[in-house]
Amino acid sequence: MFKNWSIAARIWLGFSVAVLAAIVMGYVARQSMATAQQHMDEVGHNRTPSLFGAEQIEVGQLHVATGSRGLIIRRMMDPASRQANYEEIQKGYAQIAEGRRIYEPLPQTPEEARIWQRFVPVFDEWKRSVDSLILLAQQKDSLVAQGAKADDPRVVQLDEQAFETVVHAKVARVQSGQLMGEIAALNGELVKSAVAQAEKSNASSTSTLLTLAVGCVLAVLLVGFLLARSIQSVIESLIKEARRLSVAAVAGELDTRGDVASVPSEFQAIILGVNETLDAVIGPLNVSANYVDRISKGDIPDKITDAYNGDFNTIKNNLNKCIEAVNRMVGDAT
């Protein structure tokens, strides 16, 4: 089927294969980049901020715990130390609020959502304990400011309540810290998984692109080889017919004509043109040869009445003059 195609169709086929190969490779590259980008977006837009938010919450709780412990130390009753502890707690609260602001709007996996649902009530219980501790500490500060001593029953009672509150808060903080650690660990695993998937996608797309590139190069080379071979075949068939006609002409075989069917249809006009040229040349020559043969045998033919062009018309006129001269000579002889 391919050999019956025109040269233009074959060339268009070669270009089409090259263009199709470029389109396919571009599509595969785009898809692989989109997949890799999706995984990296998961890392950059979701998992990394989740880890940062969880870390902020944990660090904030540590600041609050540090300030809380400072408030129950009886030897740290000077105003500067007390104010520093209050500020440490507020600093922790601010950090926790920032962490939650970052973390809570982000999408969660089902497992992560379950851990967060367990974390929230424990965290709320911890915060209530800390808030209670702050109230107790402020009450103690107020009594001390009024002149109460450390052994004052009211101060001692507040210290005991504050200590119990800190112990309760510590239990809640440890539980919430464990849950937040699970969330952080889960997000860490998700980051690793997303990065691994991105690397896998890149490796797969690279392999696919290499395979497609090799396949497309081979396809283009095959089409080029077939195209070159078909053109060479056409040229060889034309040369073969031209040589056959030349040999026949040298041998005097003037009836030999080119084989139109031996070349593709789009080049048959060349052979037809050569045949028509031979017919245009050999026809008048055959007439001339026939007339000369008859004259040489004494069979004087009638004048040539067919129409010829150019040099063939000159030959016709010369033959007609020869016929007139012979006829006059025969008449004179008679």
C-alpha atoms as a PDB file:
ATOM      1  CA  MET A   1       0.000   0.000   0.000  1.00  0.00           C
ATOM      2  CA  PHE A   2       2.792   2.422   0.899  1.00  0.00           C
ATOM      3  CA  LYS A   3       4.419   2.110  -2.525  1.00  0.00           C
ATOM      4  CA  ASN A   4       1.209   3.297  -4.170  1.00  0.00           C
ATOM      5  CA  TRP A   5       1.271   6.539  -2.230  1.00  0.00           C
ATOM      6  CA  SER A   6       2.445   9.755  -3.837  1.00  0.00           C
ATOM      7  CA  ILE A   7       5.757  11.303  -2.792  1.00  0.00           C
ATOM      8  CA  ALA A   8       3.873  14.232  -1.238  1.00  0.00           C
ATOM      9  CA  ALA A   9       1.729  11.838   0.813  1.00  0.00           C
ATOM     10  CA  ARG A  10       4.818   9.993   2.006  1.00  0.00           C
ATOM     11  CA  ILE A  11       6.550  13.219   3.023  1.00  0.00           C
ATOM     12  CA  TRP A  12       3.414  14.362   4.849  1.00  0.00           C
ATOM     13  CA  LEU A  13       3.345  11.002   6.619  1.00  0.00           C
ATOM     14  CA  GLY A  14       6.912  11.527   7.832  1.00  0.00           C
ATOM     15  CA  PHE A  15       6.142  15.011   9.137  1.00  0.00           C
ATOM     16  CA  SER A  16       2.905  13.769  10.713  1.00  0.00           C
ATOM     17  CA  VAL A  17       4.754  11.030  12.591  1.00  0.00           C
ATOM     18  CA  ALA A  18       7.282  13.576  13.878  1.00  0.00           C
ATOM     19  CA  VAL A  19       4.543  16.019  14.941  1.00  0.00           C
ATOM     20  CA  LEU A  20       2.518  13.247  16.584  1.00  0.00           C
ATOM     21  CA  ALA A  21       5.600  12.084  18.462  1.00  0.00           C
ATOM     22  CA  ALA A  22       6.213  15.620  19.716  1.00  0.00           C
ATOM     23  CA  ILE A  23       2.564  15.961  20.802  1.00  0.00           C
ATOM     24  CA  VAL A  24       2.588  12.626  22.642  1.00  0.00           C
ATOM     25  CA  MET A  25       5.846  13.376  24.432  1.00  0.00           C
ATOM     26  CA  GLY A  26       4.614  16.860  25.331  1.00  0.00           C
ATOM     27  CA  TYR A  27       1.382  15.416  26.743  1.00  0.00           C
ATOM     28  CA  VAL A  28       3.220  12.770  28.772  1.00  0.00           C
ATOM     29  CA  ALA A  29       5.658  15.388  30.075  1.00  0.00           C
ATOM     30  CA  ARG A  30       2.793  17.700  31.024  1.00  0.00           C
ATOM     31  CA  GLN A  31       0.913  14.919  32.824  1.00  0.00           C
ATOM     32  CA  SER A  32       3.984  13.808  34.741  1.00  0.00           C
ATOM     33  CA  MET A  33       4.771  17.399  35.717  1.00  0.00           C
ATOM     34  CA  ALA A  34       1.167  17.887  36.836  1.00  0.00           C
ATOM     35  CA  THR A  35       1.303  14.718  38.946  1.00  0.00           C
ATOM     36  CA  ALA A  36       4.624  15.681  40.501  1.00  0.00           C
ATOM     37  CA  GLN A  37       3.346  19.210  41.113  1.00  0.00           C
ATOM     38  CA  GLN A  38       0.255  17.793  42.800  1.00  0.00           C
ATOM     39  CA  HIS A  39       2.399  15.823  45.238  1.00  0.00           C
ATOM     40  CA  MET A  40       4.679  18.778  45.862  1.00  0.00           C
ATOM     41  CA  ASP A  41       1.652  21.027  46.424  1.00  0.00           C
ATOM     42  CA  GLU A  42       0.466  18.514  49.012  1.00  0.00           C
ATOM     43  CA  VAL A  43       3.829  18.848  50.736  1.00  0.00           C
ATOM     44  CA  GLY A  44       4.167  22.611  50.412  1.00  0.00           C
ATOM     45  CA  HIS A  45       0.562  23.722  50.914  1.00  0.00           C
ATOM     46  CA  ASN A  46      -0.766  21.135  53.373  1.00  0.00           C
ATOM     47  CA  ARG A  47       1.722  18.887  55.130  1.00  0.00           C
ATOM     48  CA  THR A  48       4.545  21.338  55.828  1.00  0.00           C
ATOM     49  CA  PRO A  49       2.163  24.014  57.231  1.00  0.00           C
ATOM     50  CA  SER A  50       0.457  21.277  59.286  1.00  0.00           C
ATOM     51  CA  LEU A  51       3.804  20.299  60.776  1.00  0.00           C
ATOM     52  CA  PHE A  52       4.610  23.945  61.487  1.00  0.00           C
ATOM     53  CA  GLY A  53       1.225  24.571  63.102  1.00  0.00           C
ATOM     54  CA  ALA A  54       1.526  21.449  65.270  1.00  0.00           C
ATOM     55  CA  GLU A  55       5.015  22.484  66.309  1.00  0.00           C
ATOM     56  CA  GLN A  56       3.773  25.950  67.276  1.00  0.00           C
ATOM     57  CA  ILE A  57       1.079  24.403  69.484  1.00  0.00           C
ATOM     58  CA  GLU A  58       3.581  22.108  71.211  1.00  0.00           C
ATOM     59  CA  VAL A  59       6.135  24.882  71.783  1.00  0.00           C
ATOM     60  CA  GLY A  60       3.397  27.178  73.030  1.00  0.00           C
ATOM     61  CA  GLN A  61       2.317  24.574  75.592  1.00  0.00           C
ATOM     62  CA  LEU A  62       5.913  24.309  76.795  1.00  0.00           C
ATOM     63  CA  HIS A  63       6.067  28.069  77.316  1.00  0.00           C
ATOM     64  CA  VAL A  64       2.807  27.942  79.268  1.00  0.00           C
ATOM     65  CA  ALA A  65       4.099  25.014  81.347  1.00  0.00           C
ATOM     66  CA  THR A  66       7.292  26.941  82.153  1.00  0.00           C
ATOM     67  CA  GLY A  67       5.347  30.004  83.292  1.00  0.00           C
ATOM     68  CA  SER A  68       2.922  27.853  85.280  1.00  0.00           C
ATOM     69  CA  ARG A  69       5.700  26.147  87.204  1.00  0.00           C
ATOM     70  CA  GLY A  70       7.195  29.537  87.978  1.00  0.00           C
ATOM     71  CA  LEU A  71       3.923  30.718  89.524  1.00  0.00           C
ATOM     72  CA  ILE A  72       3.888  27.916  92.117  1.00  0.00           C
ATOM     73  CA  ILE A  73       7.471  28.453  93.299  1.00  0.00           C
ATOM     74  CA  ARG A  74       7.212  30.213  96.682  1.00  0.00           C
ATOM     75  CA  ARG A  75      10.667  31.721  96.478  1.00  0.00           C
ATOM     76  CA  MET A  76       9.806  33.566  93.246  1.00  0.00           C
ATOM     77  CA  MET A  77       7.365  36.056  94.742  1.00  0.00           C
ATOM     78  CA  ASP A  78       9.078  39.245  93.637  1.00  0.00           C
ATOM     79  CA  PRO A  79       6.962  41.294  91.209  1.00  0.00           C
ATOM     80  CA  ALA A  80       9.478  41.006  88.347  1.00  0.00           C
ATOM     81  CA  SER A  81       9.566  37.194  88.484  1.00  0.00           C
ATOM     82  CA  ARG A  82       5.783  36.956  88.781  1.00  0.00           C
ATOM     83  CA  GLN A  83       5.318  39.301  85.803  1.00  0.00           C
ATOM     84  CA  ALA A  84       7.829  37.291  83.762  1.00  0.00           C
ATOM     85  CA  ASN A  85       5.892  34.083  84.442  1.00  0.00           C
ATOM     86  CA  TYR A  86       2.596  35.702  83.445  1.00  0.00           C
ATOM     87  CA  GLU A  87       4.206  36.977  80.244  1.00  0.00           C
ATOM     88  CA  GLU A  88       5.661  33.523  79.535  1.00  0.00           C
ATOM     89  CA  ILE A  89       2.161  32.038  79.778  1.00  0.00           C
ATOM     90  CA  GLN A  90       0.696  34.730  77.501  1.00  0.00           C
ATOM     91  CA  LYS A  91       3.514  34.167  75.046  1.00  0.00           C
ATOM     92  CA  GLY A  92       2.668  30.471  74.990  1.00  0.00           C
ATOM     93  CA  TYR A  93      -1.031  31.208  74.499  1.00  0.00           C
ATOM     94  CA  ALA A  94      -0.232  33.502  71.560  1.00  0.00           C
ATOM     95  CA  GLN A  95       1.972  30.834  69.994  1.00  0.00           C
ATOM     96  CA  ILE A  96      -0.736  28.193  70.450  1.00  0.00           C
ATOM     97  CA  ALA A  97      -3.331  30.503  68.870  1.00  0.00           C
ATOM     98  CA  GLU A  98      -1.042  31.073  65.892  1.00  0.00           C
ATOM     99  CA  GLY A  99      -0.436  27.345  65.529  1.00  0.00           C
ATOM    100  CA  ARG A 100      -4.149  26.581  65.568  1.00  0.00           C
ATOM    101  CA  ARG A 101      -4.819  29.392  63.098  1.00  0.00           C
ATOM    102  CA  ILE A 102      -2.374  27.740  60.696  1.00  0.00           C
ATOM    103  CA  TYR A 103      -3.343  24.134  61.336  1.00  0.00           C
ATOM    104  CA  GLU A 104      -7.135  24.057  61.632  1.00  0.00           C
ATOM    105  CA  PRO A 105      -8.072  25.350  58.118  1.00  0.00           C
ATOM    106  CA  LEU A 106      -5.822  22.778  56.419  1.00  0.00           C
ATOM    107  CA  PRO A 107      -7.280  19.534  55.000  1.00  0.00           C
ATOM    108  CA  GLN A 108      -6.894  16.502  57.228  1.00  0.00           C
ATOM    109  CA  THR A 109      -6.729  12.815  56.477  1.00  0.00           C
ATOM    110  CA  PRO A 110      -9.407  10.679  58.200  1.00  0.00           C
ATOM    111  CA  GLU A 111      -6.861   9.355  60.687  1.00  0.00           C
ATOM    112  CA  GLU A 112      -5.537  12.839  61.390  1.00  0.00           C
ATOM    113  CA  ALA A 113      -9.079  14.134  61.916  1.00  0.00           C
ATOM    114  CA  ARG A 114      -9.731  11.383  64.488  1.00  0.00           C
ATOM    115  CA  ILE A 115      -6.580  12.277  66.424  1.00  0.00           C
ATOM    116  CA  TRP A 116      -7.486  15.973  66.335  1.00  0.00           C
ATOM    117  CA  GLN A 117     -10.960  15.220  67.679  1.00  0.00           C
ATOM    118  CA  ARG A 118      -9.329  13.469  70.625  1.00  0.00           C
ATOM    119  CA  PHE A 119      -6.825  16.304  71.071  1.00  0.00           C
ATOM    120  CA  VAL A 120      -9.296  19.193  71.292  1.00  0.00           C
ATOM    121  CA  PRO A 121     -11.129  18.171  74.532  1.00  0.00           C
ATOM    122  CA  VAL A 122      -7.842  17.248  76.241  1.00  0.00           C
ATOM    123  CA  PHE A 123      -6.353  20.572  75.184  1.00  0.00           C
ATOM    124  CA  ASP A 124      -9.410  22.463  76.394  1.00  0.00           C
ATOM    125  CA  GLU A 125      -9.174  20.697  79.766  1.00  0.00           C
ATOM    126  CA  TRP A 126      -5.480  21.667  79.995  1.00  0.00           C
ATOM    127  CA  LYS A 127      -6.241  25.295  79.161  1.00  0.00           C
ATOM    128  CA  ARG A 128      -8.998  25.463  81.782  1.00  0.00           C
ATOM    129  CA  SER A 129      -6.500  24.204  84.354  1.00  0.00           C
ATOM    130  CA  VAL A 130      -3.970  26.838  83.362  1.00  0.00           C
ATOM    131  CA  ASP A 131      -6.599  29.578  83.441  1.00  0.00           C
ATOM    132  CA  SER A 132      -7.592  28.415  86.952  1.00  0.00           C
ATOM    133  CA  LEU A 133      -3.929  28.515  87.973  1.00  0.00           C
ATOM    134  CA  ILE A 134      -3.662  32.103  86.737  1.00  0.00           C
ATOM    135  CA  LEU A 135      -6.694  33.136  88.815  1.00  0.00           C
ATOM    136  CA  LEU A 136      -5.271  31.434  91.908  1.00  0.00           C
ATOM    137  CA  ALA A 137      -1.898  33.109  91.335  1.00  0.00           C
ATOM    138  CA  GLN A 138      -3.532  36.502  90.943  1.00  0.00           C
ATOM    139  CA  GLN A 139      -5.490  35.978  94.169  1.00  0.00           C
ATOM    140  CA  LYS A 140      -2.238  35.095  95.938  1.00  0.00           C
ATOM    141  CA  ASP A 141      -0.547  38.192  94.516  1.00  0.00           C
ATOM    142  CA  SER A 142      -3.433  40.294  95.800  1.00  0.00           C
ATOM    143  CA  LEU A 143      -3.096  38.842  99.350  1.00  0.00           C
ATOM    144  CA  VAL A 144       0.675  39.325  99.352  1.00  0.00           C
ATOM    145  CA  ALA A 145       0.197  42.897  98.185  1.00  0.00           C
ATOM    146  CA  GLN A 146      -2.138  43.420 101.159  1.00  0.00           C
ATOM    147  CA  GLY A 147       0.635  42.221 103.520  1.00  0.00           C
ATOM    148  CA  ALA A 148      -0.209  38.518 103.869  1.00  0.00           C
ATOM    149  CA  LYS A 149       2.777  36.310 104.715  1.00  0.00           C
ATOM    150  CA  ALA A 150       3.723  32.995 103.139  1.00  0.00           C
ATOM    151  CA  ASP A 151       2.404  31.087 106.154  1.00  0.00           C
ATOM    152  CA  ASP A 152      -0.938  32.849 106.048  1.00  0.00           C
ATOM    153  CA  PRO A 153      -3.638  30.111 105.883  1.00  0.00           C
ATOM    154  CA  ARG A 154      -5.244  31.806 102.920  1.00  0.00           C
ATOM    155  CA  VAL A 155      -1.909  31.907 101.055  1.00  0.00           C
ATOM    156  CA  VAL A 156      -1.135  28.326 101.988  1.00  0.00           C
ATOM    157  CA  GLN A 157      -4.537  27.185 100.724  1.00  0.00           C
ATOM    158  CA  LEU A 158      -4.047  29.032  97.446  1.00  0.00           C
ATOM    159  CA  ASP A 159      -0.597  27.436  97.063  1.00  0.00           C
ATOM    160  CA  GLU A 160      -2.076  23.968  97.626  1.00  0.00           C
ATOM    161  CA  GLN A 161      -4.852  24.596  95.115  1.00  0.00           C
ATOM    162  CA  ALA A 162      -2.322  26.005  92.602  1.00  0.00           C
ATOM    163  CA  PHE A 163      -0.087  22.960  92.997  1.00  0.00           C
ATOM    164  CA  GLU A 164      -3.014  20.573  92.449  1.00  0.00           C
ATOM    165  CA  THR A 165      -4.034  22.610  89.393  1.00  0.00           C
ATOM    166  CA  VAL A 166      -0.503  22.451  87.943  1.00  0.00           C
ATOM    167  CA  VAL A 167      -0.414  18.674  88.463  1.00  0.00           C
ATOM    168  CA  HIS A 168      -3.763  18.314  86.730  1.00  0.00           C
ATOM    169  CA  ALA A 169      -2.630  20.610  83.923  1.00  0.00           C
ATOM    170  CA  LYS A 170       0.571  18.603  83.504  1.00  0.00           C
ATOM    171  CA  VAL A 171      -1.397  15.377  83.020  1.00  0.00           C
ATOM    172  CA  ALA A 172      -3.586  17.039  80.403  1.00  0.00           C
ATOM    173  CA  ARG A 173      -0.544  18.621  78.749  1.00  0.00           C
ATOM    174  CA  VAL A 174       1.242  15.289  78.514  1.00  0.00           C
ATOM    175  CA  GLN A 175      -1.830  13.679  76.923  1.00  0.00           C
ATOM    176  CA  SER A 176      -2.350  16.546  74.496  1.00  0.00           C
ATOM    177  CA  GLY A 177       1.367  16.579  73.709  1.00  0.00           C
ATOM    178  CA  GLN A 178       1.267  12.888  72.848  1.00  0.00           C
ATOM    179  CA  LEU A 179      -1.706  13.417  70.551  1.00  0.00           C
ATOM    180  CA  MET A 180      -0.047  16.408  68.903  1.00  0.00           C
ATOM    181  CA  GLY A 181       3.083  14.311  68.511  1.00  0.00           C
ATOM    182  CA  GLU A 182       1.007  11.684  66.715  1.00  0.00           C
ATOM    183  CA  ILE A 183      -0.337  14.378  64.405  1.00  0.00           C
ATOM    184  CA  ALA A 184       3.177  15.639  63.712  1.00  0.00           C
ATOM    185  CA  ALA A 185       4.454  12.114  63.086  1.00  0.00           C
ATOM    186  CA  LEU A 186       1.534  11.381  60.763  1.00  0.00           C
ATOM    187  CA  ASN A 187       2.192  14.547  58.770  1.00  0.00           C
ATOM    188  CA  GLY A 188       5.864  13.638  58.621  1.00  0.00           C
ATOM    189  CA  GLU A 189       4.957  10.278  57.116  1.00  0.00           C
ATOM    190  CA  LEU A 190       2.602  11.994  54.671  1.00  0.00           C
ATOM    191  CA  VAL A 191       5.413  14.323  53.623  1.00  0.00           C
ATOM    192  CA  LYS A 192       7.704  11.357  53.020  1.00  0.00           C
ATOM    193  CA  SER A 193       4.959   9.568  51.096  1.00  0.00           C
ATOM    194  CA  ALA A 194       4.211  12.621  48.923  1.00  0.00           C
ATOM    195  CA  VAL A 195       7.895  13.158  48.151  1.00  0.00           C
ATOM    196  CA  ALA A 196       8.291   9.448  47.343  1.00  0.00           C
ATOM    197  CA  GLN A 197       5.244   9.588  45.055  1.00  0.00           C
ATOM    198  CA  ALA A 198       6.638  12.670  43.308  1.00  0.00           C
ATOM    199  CA  GLU A 199       9.990  10.969  42.803  1.00  0.00           C
ATOM    200  CA  LYS A 200       8.238   7.830  41.569  1.00  0.00           C
ATOM    201  CA  SER A 201       6.145   9.892  39.163  1.00  0.00           C
ATOM    202  CA  ASN A 202       9.233  11.666  37.869  1.00  0.00           C
ATOM    203  CA  ALA A 203      11.092   8.388  37.422  1.00  0.00           C
ATOM    204  CA  SER A 204       8.119   6.795  35.669  1.00  0.00           C
ATOM    205  CA  SER A 205       7.584   9.777  33.390  1.00  0.00           C
ATOM    206  CA  THR A 206      11.293   9.909  32.568  1.00  0.00           C
ATOM    207  CA  SER A 207      11.256   6.236  31.637  1.00  0.00           C
ATOM    208  CA  THR A 208       8.090   6.694  29.601  1.00  0.00           C
ATOM    209  CA  LEU A 209       9.504   9.737  27.815  1.00  0.00           C
ATOM    210  CA  LEU A 210      12.720   7.884  27.000  1.00  0.00           C
ATOM    211  CA  THR A 211      10.725   4.940  25.661  1.00  0.00           C
ATOM    212  CA  LEU A 212       8.507   7.231  23.600  1.00  0.00           C
ATOM    213  CA  ALA A 213      11.502   9.183  22.348  1.00  0.00           C
ATOM    214  CA  VAL A 214      13.277   6.017  21.229  1.00  0.00           C
ATOM    215  CA  GLY A 215      10.076   4.667  19.673  1.00  0.00           C
ATOM    216  CA  CYS A 216       9.373   7.954  17.890  1.00  0.00           C
ATOM    217  CA  VAL A 217      12.933   8.204  16.609  1.00  0.00           C
ATOM    218  CA  LEU A 218      12.712   4.655  15.282  1.00  0.00           C
ATOM    219  CA  ALA A 219       9.322   5.396  13.697  1.00  0.00           C
ATOM    220  CA  VAL A 220      10.624   8.557  12.033  1.00  0.00           C
ATOM    221  CA  LEU A 221      13.732   6.710  10.853  1.00  0.00           C
ATOM    222  CA  LEU A 222      11.544   3.911   9.471  1.00  0.00           C
ATOM    223  CA  VAL A 223       9.325   6.363   7.612  1.00  0.00           C
ATOM    224  CA  GLY A 224      12.413   8.185   6.330  1.00  0.00           C
ATOM    225  CA  PHE A 225      13.957   4.908   5.213  1.00  0.00           C
ATOM    226  CA  LEU A 226      10.783   3.850   3.414  1.00  0.00           C
ATOM    227  CA  LEU A 227      10.451   7.285   1.842  1.00  0.00           C
ATOM    228  CA  ALA A 228      14.064   7.298   0.647  1.00  0.00           C
ATOM    229  CA  ARG A 229      13.718   3.752  -0.616  1.00  0.00           C
ATOM    230  CA  SER A 230      10.512   4.541  -2.505  1.00  0.00           C
ATOM    231  CA  ILE A 231      12.050   7.640  -4.110  1.00  0.00           C
ATOM    232  CA  GLN A 232      15.127   5.641  -5.050  1.00  0.00           C
ATOM    233  CA  SER A 233      12.878   2.955  -6.536  1.00  0.00           C
ATOM    234  CA  VAL A 234      11.067   5.572  -8.630  1.00  0.00           C
ATOM    235  CA  ILE A 235      14.332   7.045  -9.874  1.00  0.00           C
ATOM    236  CA  GLU A 236      15.713   3.600 -10.684  1.00  0.00           C
ATOM    237  CA  SER A 237      12.568   2.637 -12.594  1.00  0.00           C
ATOM    238  CA  LEU A 238      12.744   5.867 -14.610  1.00  0.00           C
ATOM    239  CA  ILE A 239      16.444   5.340 -15.335  1.00  0.00           C
ATOM    240  CA  LYS A 240      15.756   1.721 -16.305  1.00  0.00           C
ATOM    241  CA  GLU A 241      13.044   2.717 -18.795  1.00  0.00           C
ATOM    242  CA  ALA A 242      15.184   5.538 -20.211  1.00  0.00           C
ATOM    243  CA  ARG A 243      18.111   3.136 -20.681  1.00  0.00           C
ATOM    244  CA  ARG A 244      15.862   0.540 -22.343  1.00  0.00           C
ATOM    245  CA  LEU A 245      14.494   3.114 -24.777  1.00  0.00           C
ATOM    246  CA  SER A 246      18.017   4.382 -25.499  1.00  0.00           C
ATOM    247  CA  VAL A 247      19.310   0.877 -26.220  1.00  0.00           C
ATOM    248  CA  ALA A 248      16.296   0.191 -28.456  1.00  0.00           C
ATOM    249  CA  ALA A 249      16.845   3.439 -30.357  1.00  0.00           C
ATOM    250  CA  VAL A 250      20.540   2.647 -30.906  1.00  0.00           C
ATOM    251  CA  ALA A 251      19.527  -0.813 -32.110  1.00  0.00           C
ATOM    252  CA  GLY A 252      17.034   0.721 -34.524  1.00  0.00           C
ATOM    253  CA  GLU A 253      14.022  -0.722 -32.755  1.00  0.00           C
ATOM    254  CA  LEU A 254      11.902   2.323 -33.364  1.00  0.00           C
ATOM    255  CA  ASP A 255       8.657   0.612 -32.342  1.00  0.00           C
ATOM    256  CA  THR A 256       9.855   0.203 -28.725  1.00  0.00           C
ATOM    257  CA  ARG A 257       7.961   2.321 -26.190  1.00  0.00           C
ATOM    258  CA  GLY A 258       8.266   2.950 -22.448  1.00  0.00           C
ATOM    259  CA  ASP A 259       6.329   0.730 -20.035  1.00  0.00           C
ATOM    260  CA  VAL A 260       3.970   3.144 -18.277  1.00  0.00           C
ATOM    261  CA  ALA A 261       2.923   0.573 -15.658  1.00  0.00           C
ATOM    262  CA  SER A 262       6.517   0.127 -14.452  1.00  0.00           C
ATOM    263  CA  VAL A 263       6.533   3.470 -12.598  1.00  0.00           C
ATOM    264  CA  PRO A 264       4.159   4.933  -9.956  1.00  0.00           C
ATOM    265  CA  SER A 265       1.091   6.729 -11.250  1.00  0.00           C
ATOM    266  CA  GLU A 266       2.383  10.236 -10.430  1.00  0.00           C
ATOM    267  CA  PHE A 267       5.442   9.642 -12.676  1.00  0.00           C
ATOM    268  CA  GLN A 268       3.656   7.861 -15.523  1.00  0.00           C
ATOM    269  CA  ALA A 269       3.241  11.216 -17.278  1.00  0.00           C
ATOM    270  CA  ILE A 270       7.024  11.222 -17.870  1.00  0.00           C
ATOM    271  CA  ILE A 271       6.934   7.881 -19.691  1.00  0.00           C
ATOM    272  CA  LEU A 272       3.815   8.935 -21.584  1.00  0.00           C
ATOM    273  CA  GLY A 273       5.600  12.124 -22.638  1.00  0.00           C
ATOM    274  CA  VAL A 274       8.610  10.157 -23.863  1.00  0.00           C
ATOM    275  CA  ASN A 275       6.331   7.790 -25.813  1.00  0.00           C
ATOM    276  CA  GLU A 276       4.473  10.710 -27.366  1.00  0.00           C
ATOM    277  CA  THR A 277       7.797  12.293 -28.292  1.00  0.00           C
ATOM    278  CA  LEU A 278       8.928   9.074 -29.970  1.00  0.00           C
ATOM    279  CA  ASP A 279       5.608   8.825 -31.814  1.00  0.00           C
ATOM    280  CA  ALA A 280       5.970  12.432 -32.986  1.00  0.00           C
ATOM    281  CA  VAL A 281       9.504  11.769 -34.264  1.00  0.00           C
ATOM    282  CA  ILE A 282       9.269   8.227 -35.594  1.00  0.00           C
ATOM    283  CA  GLY A 283       5.903   8.659 -37.355  1.00  0.00           C
ATOM    284  CA  PRO A 284       7.222  11.171 -39.918  1.00  0.00           C
ATOM    285  CA  LEU A 285      10.477   9.206 -40.213  1.00  0.00           C
ATOM    286  CA  ASN A 286       8.551   6.038 -41.063  1.00  0.00           C
ATOM    287  CA  VAL A 287       6.552   7.926 -43.683  1.00  0.00           C
ATOM    288  CA  SER A 288       9.760   9.349 -45.131  1.00  0.00           C
ATOM    289  CA  ALA A 289      11.431   5.934 -45.150  1.00  0.00           C
ATOM    290  CA  ASN A 290       8.390   4.388 -46.854  1.00  0.00           C
ATOM    291  CA  TYR A 291       8.321   7.074 -49.540  1.00  0.00           C
ATOM    292  CA  VAL A 292      12.053   6.815 -50.198  1.00  0.00           C
ATOM    293  CA  ASP A 293      11.735   3.021 -50.426  1.00  0.00           C
ATOM    294  CA  ARG A 294       8.899   3.254 -52.951  1.00  0.00           C
ATOM    295  CA  ILE A 295      10.714   5.861 -55.017  1.00  0.00           C
ATOM    296  CA  SER A 296      13.869   3.715 -55.065  1.00  0.00           C
ATOM    297  CA  LYS A 297      11.804   0.825 -56.441  1.00  0.00           C
ATOM    298  CA  GLY A 298      10.172   2.950 -59.119  1.00  0.00           C
ATOM    299  CA  ASP A 299       6.855   3.125 -57.339  1.00  0.00           C
ATOM    300  CA  ILE A 300       6.275   6.833 -57.337  1.00  0.00           C
ATOM    301  CA  PRO A 301       3.737   7.642 -54.595  1.00  0.00           C
ATOM    302  CA  ASP A 302       1.372  10.553 -54.445  1.00  0.00           C
ATOM    303  CA  LYS A 303       2.480  13.700 -52.682  1.00  0.00           C
ATOM    304  CA  ILE A 304       2.324  13.750 -48.894  1.00  0.00           C
ATOM    305  CA  THR A 305      -0.745  15.652 -47.815  1.00  0.00           C
ATOM    306  CA  ASP A 306      -0.481  15.177 -44.043  1.00  0.00           C
ATOM    307  CA  ALA A 307       0.281  18.269 -41.974  1.00  0.00           C
ATOM    308  CA  TYR A 308       3.669  18.412 -40.181  1.00  0.00           C
ATOM    309  CA  ASN A 309       5.393  21.076 -38.153  1.00  0.00           C
ATOM    310  CA  GLY A 310       8.891  22.504 -38.221  1.00  0.00           C
ATOM    311  CA  ASP A 311      11.668  20.374 -39.630  1.00  0.00           C
ATOM    312  CA  PHE A 312       9.227  17.550 -40.385  1.00  0.00           C
ATOM    313  CA  ASN A 313       7.351  19.916 -42.749  1.00  0.00           C
ATOM    314  CA  THR A 314      10.657  20.675 -44.495  1.00  0.00           C
ATOM    315  CA  ILE A 315      11.258  16.926 -45.014  1.00  0.00           C
ATOM    316  CA  LYS A 316       7.698  16.586 -46.359  1.00  0.00           C
ATOM    317  CA  ASN A 317       8.226  19.465 -48.811  1.00  0.00           C
ATOM    318  CA  ASN A 318      11.547  18.004 -49.983  1.00  0.00           C
ATOM    319  CA  LEU A 319       9.966  14.596 -50.574  1.00  0.00           C
ATOM    320  CA  ASN A 320       7.094  16.184 -52.495  1.00  0.00           C
ATOM    321  CA  LYS A 321       9.625  18.101 -54.645  1.00  0.00           C
ATOM    322  CA  CYS A 322      11.509  14.856 -55.213  1.00  0.00           C
ATOM    323  CA  ILE A 323       8.250  13.189 -56.294  1.00  0.00           C
ATOM    324  CA  GLU A 324       7.571  16.096 -58.724  1.00  0.00           C
ATOM    325  CA  ALA A 325      11.107  15.889 -60.126  1.00  0.00           C
ATOM    326  CA  VAL A 326      10.910  12.129 -60.633  1.00  0.00           C
ATOM    327  CA  ASN A 327       7.489  12.455 -62.235  1.00  0.00           C
ATOM    328  CA  ARG A 328       8.816  15.127 -64.637  1.00  0.00           C
ATOM    329  CA  MET A 329      11.864  12.999 -65.414  1.00  0.00           C
ATOM    330  CA  VAL A 330       9.651  10.011 -66.139  1.00  0.00           C
ATOM    331  CA  GLY A 331       7.458  12.221 -68.309  1.00  0.00           C
ATOM    332  CA  ASP A 332      10.478  13.536 -70.224  1.00  0.00           C
ATOM    333  CA  ALA A 333      11.782  10.008 -70.623  1.00  0.00           C
ATOM    334  CA  THR A 334       8.431   8.879 -71.970  1.00  0.00           C
END
